[in-house]
Amino acid sequence: MNKELLKALHILTRDGKMNADSRRKLKQVHHLAQLIEPFLRNLSSKSEADWTLADLGAGKSYLGFILYDLILRDLKNAHILAVEARPELVETSRQLASSAGFERMQFVEARIGQPSDGLPARIDVVTALHACDTATDDAIAFGVKHGARVFALVPCCQAEVARQLEPLIKTSAPDDRALFEFPIHRREFGSHLTNVMRVLFLKSRGYRTTVTELVGWEHSMKNGLILAEKISDESHPESKRAQVELDQLLSRFKVKPKLLS
């Protein structure tokens, strides 16, 4: 990896050293890059036209810069679009991309769920690393809307469904009530239920979806990775089955995440 780039991203210090927090951060981003590299190379080999990877909620664009440096630099038809709401981070990233000669990186100041004139009509790959609460839902909705062929999502904290579970303390069947009695259990169960529904939603839209561990628990508690690749449409039997399972969960637990609003 480019050490000067890592210094510019403040992952390495000026003398080339790395603290524990930077080491954890780099391990997560590097492992994610390794996991999605086969999808990116396959997409690039099959695409005659240019294609775009959108990194949503990009922050300081660690993921985008490392993906470009390690993989997309050699994939001449590949472009990265980093979407970030904080203008100071967008400007800093633009300057770094320019100085590094990463001419196929573009930075757009926008929130994930809000439209922007700077976005192309089609996005081929969507990444979202530690997008908090409903931001992961926004990333999925964004990708589906723009015809994404691949998703790589690492959800972060999730509170929306946990709040919706609270009324079930009084109204649910006795066998389920213990699932929601304590706030910590509602939060953990709500997070799990949220990600299960996200997976079923993607499957119902024709995506072959897997869930795996990104890094060990010692590096981050937010370490679940959702990988999805478009292989069919909503008429496929597997898609229809996933929709039925999703509807059953929604009916049983009386929740409605933002993704399904």
C-alpha atoms as a PDB file:
ATOM      1  CA  MET A   1       0.000   0.000   0.000  1.00  0.00           C
ATOM      2  CA  ASN A   2       1.048   3.583  -0.700  1.00  0.00           C
ATOM      3  CA  LYS A   3       2.636   4.812   2.537  1.00  0.00           C
ATOM      4  CA  GLU A   4       2.425   8.466   1.519  1.00  0.00           C
ATOM      5  CA  LEU A   5      -1.316   8.044   0.947  1.00  0.00           C
ATOM      6  CA  LEU A   6      -1.707   6.436   4.376  1.00  0.00           C
ATOM      7  CA  LYS A   7       0.155   9.375   5.914  1.00  0.00           C
ATOM      8  CA  ALA A   8      -2.124  11.831   4.118  1.00  0.00           C
ATOM      9  CA  LEU A   9      -5.126   9.944   5.496  1.00  0.00           C
ATOM     10  CA  HIS A  10      -3.541  10.157   8.993  1.00  0.00           C
ATOM     11  CA  ILE A  11      -3.509   6.379   9.269  1.00  0.00           C
ATOM     12  CA  LEU A  12       0.282   6.516   9.462  1.00  0.00           C
ATOM     13  CA  THR A  13       2.149   9.187  11.385  1.00  0.00           C
ATOM     14  CA  ARG A  14       4.755  11.326   9.633  1.00  0.00           C
ATOM     15  CA  ASP A  15       7.484   8.888  10.671  1.00  0.00           C
ATOM     16  CA  GLY A  16       5.508   5.923   9.321  1.00  0.00           C
ATOM     17  CA  LYS A  17       4.157   4.558  12.602  1.00  0.00           C
ATOM     18  CA  MET A  18       0.624   3.482  13.446  1.00  0.00           C
ATOM     19  CA  ASN A  19      -1.342   3.570  16.690  1.00  0.00           C
ATOM     20  CA  ALA A  20      -3.801   0.891  17.822  1.00  0.00           C
ATOM     21  CA  ASP A  21      -6.883   2.780  16.647  1.00  0.00           C
ATOM     22  CA  SER A  22      -5.453   3.346  13.168  1.00  0.00           C
ATOM     23  CA  ARG A  23      -4.395  -0.290  12.996  1.00  0.00           C
ATOM     24  CA  ARG A  24      -7.965  -1.433  13.727  1.00  0.00           C
ATOM     25  CA  LYS A  25      -9.361   0.995  11.178  1.00  0.00           C
ATOM     26  CA  LEU A  26      -6.929  -0.042   8.475  1.00  0.00           C
ATOM     27  CA  LYS A  27      -7.541  -3.731   9.152  1.00  0.00           C
ATOM     28  CA  GLN A  28     -11.292  -3.285   8.628  1.00  0.00           C
ATOM     29  CA  VAL A  29     -10.964  -1.247   5.436  1.00  0.00           C
ATOM     30  CA  HIS A  30      -8.267  -3.494   3.982  1.00  0.00           C
ATOM     31  CA  HIS A  31     -10.239  -6.660   4.729  1.00  0.00           C
ATOM     32  CA  LEU A  32     -13.366  -5.186   3.146  1.00  0.00           C
ATOM     33  CA  ALA A  33     -11.326  -4.297   0.052  1.00  0.00           C
ATOM     34  CA  GLN A  34     -10.088  -7.891  -0.168  1.00  0.00           C
ATOM     35  CA  LEU A  35     -13.612  -9.304   0.144  1.00  0.00           C
ATOM     36  CA  ILE A  36     -15.119  -7.167  -2.613  1.00  0.00           C
ATOM     37  CA  GLU A  37     -12.115  -7.244  -4.962  1.00  0.00           C
ATOM     38  CA  PRO A  38     -13.384 -10.328  -6.893  1.00  0.00           C
ATOM     39  CA  PHE A  39     -16.718  -8.585  -7.550  1.00  0.00           C
ATOM     40  CA  LEU A  40     -14.955  -5.450  -8.798  1.00  0.00           C
ATOM     41  CA  ARG A  41     -12.558  -7.267 -11.106  1.00  0.00           C
ATOM     42  CA  ASN A  42     -15.350  -9.427 -12.491  1.00  0.00           C
ATOM     43  CA  LEU A  43     -17.527  -6.368 -13.102  1.00  0.00           C
ATOM     44  CA  SER A  44     -14.689  -4.527 -14.820  1.00  0.00           C
ATOM     45  CA  SER A  45     -13.851  -7.467 -17.088  1.00  0.00           C
ATOM     46  CA  LYS A  46     -17.473  -7.810 -18.212  1.00  0.00           C
ATOM     47  CA  SER A  47     -18.201  -4.091 -18.678  1.00  0.00           C
ATOM     48  CA  GLU A  48     -17.312  -2.471 -21.971  1.00  0.00           C
ATOM     49  CA  ALA A  49     -18.479   0.913 -20.708  1.00  0.00           C
ATOM     50  CA  ASP A  50     -17.270   2.799 -17.641  1.00  0.00           C
ATOM     51  CA  TRP A  51     -18.816   1.818 -14.319  1.00  0.00           C
ATOM     52  CA  THR A  52     -19.129   3.551 -10.947  1.00  0.00           C
ATOM     53  CA  LEU A  53     -18.681   2.542  -7.320  1.00  0.00           C
ATOM     54  CA  ALA A  54     -20.511   4.839  -4.889  1.00  0.00           C
ATOM     55  CA  ASP A  55     -19.097   4.997  -1.369  1.00  0.00           C
ATOM     56  CA  LEU A  56     -21.966   6.399   0.691  1.00  0.00           C
ATOM     57  CA  GLY A  57     -21.403   8.286   3.935  1.00  0.00           C
ATOM     58  CA  ALA A  58     -17.761   8.265   2.917  1.00  0.00           C
ATOM     59  CA  GLY A  59     -16.400  10.348   5.795  1.00  0.00           C
ATOM     60  CA  LYS A  60     -12.696  10.877   5.131  1.00  0.00           C
ATOM     61  CA  SER A  61     -12.957   8.414   2.225  1.00  0.00           C
ATOM     62  CA  TYR A  62     -10.537   5.877   3.703  1.00  0.00           C
ATOM     63  CA  LEU A  63     -12.335   3.078   1.867  1.00  0.00           C
ATOM     64  CA  GLY A  64     -12.500   4.887  -1.474  1.00  0.00           C
ATOM     65  CA  PHE A  65      -8.828   5.888  -1.456  1.00  0.00           C
ATOM     66  CA  ILE A  66      -7.638   2.417  -0.475  1.00  0.00           C
ATOM     67  CA  LEU A  67      -9.898   0.727  -3.041  1.00  0.00           C
ATOM     68  CA  TYR A  68      -8.529   3.037  -5.732  1.00  0.00           C
ATOM     69  CA  ASP A  69      -4.917   2.569  -4.658  1.00  0.00           C
ATOM     70  CA  LEU A  70      -5.072  -1.235  -4.386  1.00  0.00           C
ATOM     71  CA  ILE A  71      -7.618  -2.222  -7.033  1.00  0.00           C
ATOM     72  CA  LEU A  72      -9.293   0.418  -9.179  1.00  0.00           C
ATOM     73  CA  ARG A  73      -6.082   2.125 -10.245  1.00  0.00           C
ATOM     74  CA  ASP A  74      -5.594  -0.767 -12.692  1.00  0.00           C
ATOM     75  CA  LEU A  75      -9.265  -1.035 -13.710  1.00  0.00           C
ATOM     76  CA  LYS A  76      -9.348   1.764 -16.248  1.00  0.00           C
ATOM     77  CA  ASN A  77     -13.136   1.702 -16.722  1.00  0.00           C
ATOM     78  CA  ALA A  78     -13.818   2.047 -12.996  1.00  0.00           C
ATOM     79  CA  HIS A  79     -14.767   5.281 -11.199  1.00  0.00           C
ATOM     80  CA  ILE A  80     -15.362   6.052  -7.517  1.00  0.00           C
ATOM     81  CA  LEU A  81     -18.041   8.461  -6.335  1.00  0.00           C
ATOM     82  CA  ALA A  82     -17.744   9.402  -2.660  1.00  0.00           C
ATOM     83  CA  VAL A  83     -20.899  10.887  -1.141  1.00  0.00           C
ATOM     84  CA  GLU A  84     -20.440  12.758   2.144  1.00  0.00           C
ATOM     85  CA  ALA A  85     -22.573  15.410   3.882  1.00  0.00           C
ATOM     86  CA  ARG A  86     -19.780  17.324   5.664  1.00  0.00           C
ATOM     87  CA  PRO A  87     -18.313  19.936   3.283  1.00  0.00           C
ATOM     88  CA  GLU A  88     -14.929  20.138   5.022  1.00  0.00           C
ATOM     89  CA  LEU A  89     -14.345  16.402   4.522  1.00  0.00           C
ATOM     90  CA  VAL A  90     -15.420  16.616   0.879  1.00  0.00           C
ATOM     91  CA  GLU A  91     -12.983  19.453   0.195  1.00  0.00           C
ATOM     92  CA  THR A  92     -10.096  17.721   1.987  1.00  0.00           C
ATOM     93  CA  SER A  93     -10.719  14.529   0.004  1.00  0.00           C
ATOM     94  CA  ARG A  94     -10.854  16.424  -3.281  1.00  0.00           C
ATOM     95  CA  GLN A  95      -7.469  17.990  -2.565  1.00  0.00           C
ATOM     96  CA  LEU A  96      -5.943  14.642  -1.615  1.00  0.00           C
ATOM     97  CA  ALA A  97      -7.310  12.913  -4.740  1.00  0.00           C
ATOM     98  CA  SER A  98      -5.902  15.688  -6.908  1.00  0.00           C
ATOM     99  CA  SER A  99      -2.446  15.541  -5.311  1.00  0.00           C
ATOM    100  CA  ALA A 100      -2.408  11.718  -5.543  1.00  0.00           C
ATOM    101  CA  GLY A 101      -3.393  11.753  -9.209  1.00  0.00           C
ATOM    102  CA  PHE A 102      -6.593   9.775  -8.584  1.00  0.00           C
ATOM    103  CA  GLU A 103      -8.435  11.375 -11.496  1.00  0.00           C
ATOM    104  CA  ARG A 104     -11.275   8.836 -11.514  1.00  0.00           C
ATOM    105  CA  MET A 105     -12.464   9.797  -8.020  1.00  0.00           C
ATOM    106  CA  GLN A 106     -15.335  12.260  -7.630  1.00  0.00           C
ATOM    107  CA  PHE A 107     -16.654  13.763  -4.395  1.00  0.00           C
ATOM    108  CA  VAL A 108     -20.220  14.961  -3.881  1.00  0.00           C
ATOM    109  CA  GLU A 109     -21.511  16.880  -0.874  1.00  0.00           C
ATOM    110  CA  ALA A 110     -24.871  15.271  -0.078  1.00  0.00           C
ATOM    111  CA  ARG A 111     -26.664  13.050   2.406  1.00  0.00           C
ATOM    112  CA  ILE A 112     -27.243   9.457   1.377  1.00  0.00           C
ATOM    113  CA  GLY A 113     -31.021   9.720   1.262  1.00  0.00           C
ATOM    114  CA  GLN A 114     -31.169  13.088  -0.475  1.00  0.00           C
ATOM    115  CA  PRO A 115     -31.011  13.617  -4.251  1.00  0.00           C
ATOM    116  CA  SER A 116     -28.092  15.474  -5.764  1.00  0.00           C
ATOM    117  CA  ASP A 117     -27.365  16.854  -9.217  1.00  0.00           C
ATOM    118  CA  GLY A 118     -23.853  15.422  -8.970  1.00  0.00           C
ATOM    119  CA  LEU A 119     -24.916  11.785  -9.094  1.00  0.00           C
ATOM    120  CA  PRO A 120     -25.063   9.696 -12.287  1.00  0.00           C
ATOM    121  CA  ALA A 121     -28.271   7.891 -13.185  1.00  0.00           C
ATOM    122  CA  ARG A 122     -26.652   4.463 -12.818  1.00  0.00           C
ATOM    123  CA  ILE A 123     -24.495   3.222  -9.959  1.00  0.00           C
ATOM    124  CA  ASP A 124     -22.968  -0.236 -10.319  1.00  0.00           C
ATOM    125  CA  VAL A 125     -21.517  -0.873  -6.846  1.00  0.00           C
ATOM    126  CA  VAL A 126     -22.628   0.557  -3.497  1.00  0.00           C
ATOM    127  CA  THR A 127     -20.468   0.502  -0.370  1.00  0.00           C
ATOM    128  CA  ALA A 128     -21.379   1.869   3.052  1.00  0.00           C
ATOM    129  CA  LEU A 129     -18.956   1.322   5.916  1.00  0.00           C
ATOM    130  CA  HIS A 130     -20.443   1.830   9.393  1.00  0.00           C
ATOM    131  CA  ALA A 131     -23.457   3.824   8.207  1.00  0.00           C
ATOM    132  CA  CYS A 132     -25.372   4.523  11.419  1.00  0.00           C
ATOM    133  CA  ASP A 133     -29.006   3.641  12.163  1.00  0.00           C
ATOM    134  CA  THR A 134     -31.191   4.188   9.068  1.00  0.00           C
ATOM    135  CA  ALA A 135     -28.282   5.341   6.867  1.00  0.00           C
ATOM    136  CA  THR A 136     -27.731   1.740   5.795  1.00  0.00           C
ATOM    137  CA  ASP A 137     -31.385   1.623   4.722  1.00  0.00           C
ATOM    138  CA  ASP A 138     -30.786   4.805   2.733  1.00  0.00           C
ATOM    139  CA  ALA A 139     -27.775   3.151   1.078  1.00  0.00           C
ATOM    140  CA  ILE A 140     -29.819   0.097   0.076  1.00  0.00           C
ATOM    141  CA  ALA A 141     -32.655   2.230  -1.275  1.00  0.00           C
ATOM    142  CA  PHE A 142     -30.140   4.384  -3.159  1.00  0.00           C
ATOM    143  CA  GLY A 143     -28.517   1.357  -4.740  1.00  0.00           C
ATOM    144  CA  VAL A 144     -31.756  -0.300  -5.782  1.00  0.00           C
ATOM    145  CA  LYS A 145     -32.972   2.982  -7.288  1.00  0.00           C
ATOM    146  CA  HIS A 146     -29.763   3.388  -9.283  1.00  0.00           C
ATOM    147  CA  GLY A 147     -29.597  -0.215 -10.507  1.00  0.00           C
ATOM    148  CA  ALA A 148     -26.648  -1.362  -8.372  1.00  0.00           C
ATOM    149  CA  ARG A 149     -25.274  -4.769  -9.267  1.00  0.00           C
ATOM    150  CA  VAL A 150     -23.241  -5.214  -6.071  1.00  0.00           C
ATOM    151  CA  PHE A 151     -23.664  -4.088  -2.441  1.00  0.00           C
ATOM    152  CA  ALA A 152     -21.056  -4.210   0.343  1.00  0.00           C
ATOM    153  CA  LEU A 153     -22.607  -2.929   3.578  1.00  0.00           C
ATOM    154  CA  VAL A 154     -21.255  -2.808   7.124  1.00  0.00           C
ATOM    155  CA  PRO A 155     -24.114  -1.547   9.325  1.00  0.00           C
ATOM    156  CA  CYS A 156     -23.377   0.369  12.496  1.00  0.00           C
ATOM    157  CA  CYS A 157     -25.647   1.210  15.452  1.00  0.00           C
ATOM    158  CA  GLN A 158     -29.364   0.674  14.800  1.00  0.00           C
ATOM    159  CA  ALA A 159     -32.071   2.140  17.015  1.00  0.00           C
ATOM    160  CA  GLU A 160     -35.126   2.557  14.784  1.00  0.00           C
ATOM    161  CA  VAL A 161     -36.597  -0.950  15.074  1.00  0.00           C
ATOM    162  CA  ALA A 162     -35.666  -1.202  18.768  1.00  0.00           C
ATOM    163  CA  ARG A 163     -37.921   1.802  19.437  1.00  0.00           C
ATOM    164  CA  GLN A 164     -40.731   0.183  17.467  1.00  0.00           C
ATOM    165  CA  LEU A 165     -40.428  -2.995  19.552  1.00  0.00           C
ATOM    166  CA  GLU A 166     -41.142  -1.229  22.856  1.00  0.00           C
ATOM    167  CA  PRO A 167     -44.970  -1.376  22.578  1.00  0.00           C
ATOM    168  CA  LEU A 168     -44.730  -5.162  22.212  1.00  0.00           C
ATOM    169  CA  ILE A 169     -43.886  -5.460  25.907  1.00  0.00           C
ATOM    170  CA  LYS A 170     -47.624  -5.072  26.534  1.00  0.00           C
ATOM    171  CA  THR A 171     -49.171  -6.398  23.344  1.00  0.00           C
ATOM    172  CA  SER A 172     -47.098  -9.390  22.243  1.00  0.00           C
ATOM    173  CA  ALA A 173     -47.781 -13.015  23.016  1.00  0.00           C
ATOM    174  CA  PRO A 174     -46.310 -14.256  26.345  1.00  0.00           C
ATOM    175  CA  ASP A 175     -43.791 -16.436  24.505  1.00  0.00           C
ATOM    176  CA  ASP A 176     -42.310 -13.366  22.773  1.00  0.00           C
ATOM    177  CA  ARG A 177     -42.551 -10.836  25.577  1.00  0.00           C
ATOM    178  CA  ALA A 178     -39.230 -11.737  27.154  1.00  0.00           C
ATOM    179  CA  LEU A 179     -37.502 -10.724  23.901  1.00  0.00           C
ATOM    180  CA  PHE A 180     -38.428  -7.064  24.457  1.00  0.00           C
ATOM    181  CA  GLU A 181     -38.621  -6.620  28.235  1.00  0.00           C
ATOM    182  CA  PHE A 182     -35.217  -5.029  28.807  1.00  0.00           C
ATOM    183  CA  PRO A 183     -33.836  -2.106  26.763  1.00  0.00           C
ATOM    184  CA  ILE A 184     -30.502  -3.816  26.078  1.00  0.00           C
ATOM    185  CA  HIS A 185     -32.335  -6.843  24.682  1.00  0.00           C
ATOM    186  CA  ARG A 186     -34.580  -4.649  22.544  1.00  0.00           C
ATOM    187  CA  ARG A 187     -31.531  -2.904  21.154  1.00  0.00           C
ATOM    188  CA  GLU A 188     -29.694  -6.130  20.353  1.00  0.00           C
ATOM    189  CA  PHE A 189     -32.746  -7.939  19.039  1.00  0.00           C
ATOM    190  CA  GLY A 190     -33.806  -4.865  17.073  1.00  0.00           C
ATOM    191  CA  SER A 191     -30.363  -4.654  15.463  1.00  0.00           C
ATOM    192  CA  HIS A 192     -30.472  -8.332  14.521  1.00  0.00           C
ATOM    193  CA  LEU A 193     -34.035  -8.074  13.199  1.00  0.00           C
ATOM    194  CA  THR A 194     -33.122  -4.981  11.171  1.00  0.00           C
ATOM    195  CA  ASN A 195     -30.274  -6.738   9.385  1.00  0.00           C
ATOM    196  CA  VAL A 196     -32.350  -9.869   8.747  1.00  0.00           C
ATOM    197  CA  MET A 197     -35.026  -7.707   7.109  1.00  0.00           C
ATOM    198  CA  ARG A 198     -32.395  -5.901   5.042  1.00  0.00           C
ATOM    199  CA  VAL A 199     -31.111  -9.226   3.746  1.00  0.00           C
ATOM    200  CA  LEU A 200     -34.621 -10.446   2.912  1.00  0.00           C
ATOM    201  CA  PHE A 201     -35.377  -7.158   1.163  1.00  0.00           C
ATOM    202  CA  LEU A 202     -32.286  -7.518  -1.037  1.00  0.00           C
ATOM    203  CA  LYS A 203     -33.138 -11.153  -1.786  1.00  0.00           C
ATOM    204  CA  SER A 204     -36.668 -10.125  -2.714  1.00  0.00           C
ATOM    205  CA  ARG A 205     -35.189  -7.721  -5.265  1.00  0.00           C
ATOM    206  CA  GLY A 206     -33.142 -10.426  -6.962  1.00  0.00           C
ATOM    207  CA  TYR A 207     -29.848 -10.166  -5.083  1.00  0.00           C
ATOM    208  CA  ARG A 208     -27.867 -13.212  -4.005  1.00  0.00           C
ATOM    209  CA  THR A 209     -26.975 -12.176  -0.477  1.00  0.00           C
ATOM    210  CA  THR A 210     -24.548 -13.433   2.145  1.00  0.00           C
ATOM    211  CA  VAL A 211     -23.719 -12.206   5.638  1.00  0.00           C
ATOM    212  CA  THR A 212     -20.308 -12.713   7.177  1.00  0.00           C
ATOM    213  CA  GLU A 213     -17.970 -11.319   9.815  1.00  0.00           C
ATOM    214  CA  LEU A 214     -15.802  -8.471   8.582  1.00  0.00           C
ATOM    215  CA  VAL A 215     -13.229  -8.559  11.398  1.00  0.00           C
ATOM    216  CA  GLY A 216     -13.000 -10.164  14.823  1.00  0.00           C
ATOM    217  CA  TRP A 217     -14.952  -8.806  17.788  1.00  0.00           C
ATOM    218  CA  GLU A 218     -11.690  -7.568  19.311  1.00  0.00           C
ATOM    219  CA  HIS A 219     -11.483  -4.959  16.526  1.00  0.00           C
ATOM    220  CA  SER A 220     -15.092  -3.779  16.376  1.00  0.00           C
ATOM    221  CA  MET A 221     -18.510  -4.770  17.724  1.00  0.00           C
ATOM    222  CA  LYS A 222     -19.990  -3.501  14.442  1.00  0.00           C
ATOM    223  CA  ASN A 223     -18.491  -6.205  12.272  1.00  0.00           C
ATOM    224  CA  GLY A 224     -21.297  -7.730  10.218  1.00  0.00           C
ATOM    225  CA  LEU A 225     -20.821  -7.514   6.440  1.00  0.00           C
ATOM    226  CA  ILE A 226     -23.732  -7.826   3.991  1.00  0.00           C
ATOM    227  CA  LEU A 227     -22.609  -8.728   0.462  1.00  0.00           C
ATOM    228  CA  ALA A 228     -25.209  -8.804  -2.309  1.00  0.00           C
ATOM    229  CA  GLU A 229     -24.976  -9.381  -6.055  1.00  0.00           C
ATOM    230  CA  LYS A 230     -27.809  -8.905  -8.549  1.00  0.00           C
ATOM    231  CA  ILE A 231     -28.595 -12.205 -10.278  1.00  0.00           C
ATOM    232  CA  SER A 232     -32.350 -12.102 -11.051  1.00  0.00           C
ATOM    233  CA  ASP A 233     -35.468  -9.961 -10.645  1.00  0.00           C
ATOM    234  CA  GLU A 234     -38.497  -9.863  -8.375  1.00  0.00           C
ATOM    235  CA  SER A 235     -40.331 -12.525 -10.397  1.00  0.00           C
ATOM    236  CA  HIS A 236     -37.800 -15.238  -9.549  1.00  0.00           C
ATOM    237  CA  PRO A 237     -39.099 -17.928  -7.128  1.00  0.00           C
ATOM    238  CA  GLU A 238     -36.303 -17.188  -4.629  1.00  0.00           C
ATOM    239  CA  SER A 239     -37.222 -13.487  -4.693  1.00  0.00           C
ATOM    240  CA  LYS A 240     -40.873 -14.266  -4.078  1.00  0.00           C
ATOM    241  CA  ARG A 241     -39.978 -16.612  -1.209  1.00  0.00           C
ATOM    242  CA  ALA A 242     -37.863 -13.905   0.421  1.00  0.00           C
ATOM    243  CA  GLN A 243     -40.745 -11.430   0.106  1.00  0.00           C
ATOM    244  CA  VAL A 244     -43.083 -13.879   1.864  1.00  0.00           C
ATOM    245  CA  GLU A 245     -40.579 -14.355   4.700  1.00  0.00           C
ATOM    246  CA  LEU A 246     -40.135 -10.602   5.012  1.00  0.00           C
ATOM    247  CA  ASP A 247     -43.899 -10.027   5.153  1.00  0.00           C
ATOM    248  CA  GLN A 248     -44.202 -12.676   7.869  1.00  0.00           C
ATOM    249  CA  LEU A 249     -41.563 -10.967  10.027  1.00  0.00           C
ATOM    250  CA  LEU A 250     -43.221  -7.583   9.591  1.00  0.00           C
ATOM    251  CA  SER A 251     -46.574  -9.035  10.559  1.00  0.00           C
ATOM    252  CA  ARG A 252     -45.260 -10.879  13.597  1.00  0.00           C
ATOM    253  CA  PHE A 253     -43.240  -8.058  15.120  1.00  0.00           C
ATOM    254  CA  LYS A 254     -45.365  -5.092  13.979  1.00  0.00           C
ATOM    255  CA  VAL A 255     -42.374  -3.039  12.816  1.00  0.00           C
ATOM    256  CA  LYS A 256     -41.729  -1.052   9.680  1.00  0.00           C
ATOM    257  CA  PRO A 257     -38.143   0.050   9.053  1.00  0.00           C
ATOM    258  CA  LYS A 258     -37.380   3.088   6.917  1.00  0.00           C
ATOM    259  CA  LEU A 259     -36.259   0.833   4.082  1.00  0.00           C
ATOM    260  CA  LEU A 260     -39.849  -0.363   3.634  1.00  0.00           C
ATOM    261  CA  SER A 261     -41.576   3.008   4.144  1.00  0.00           C
END
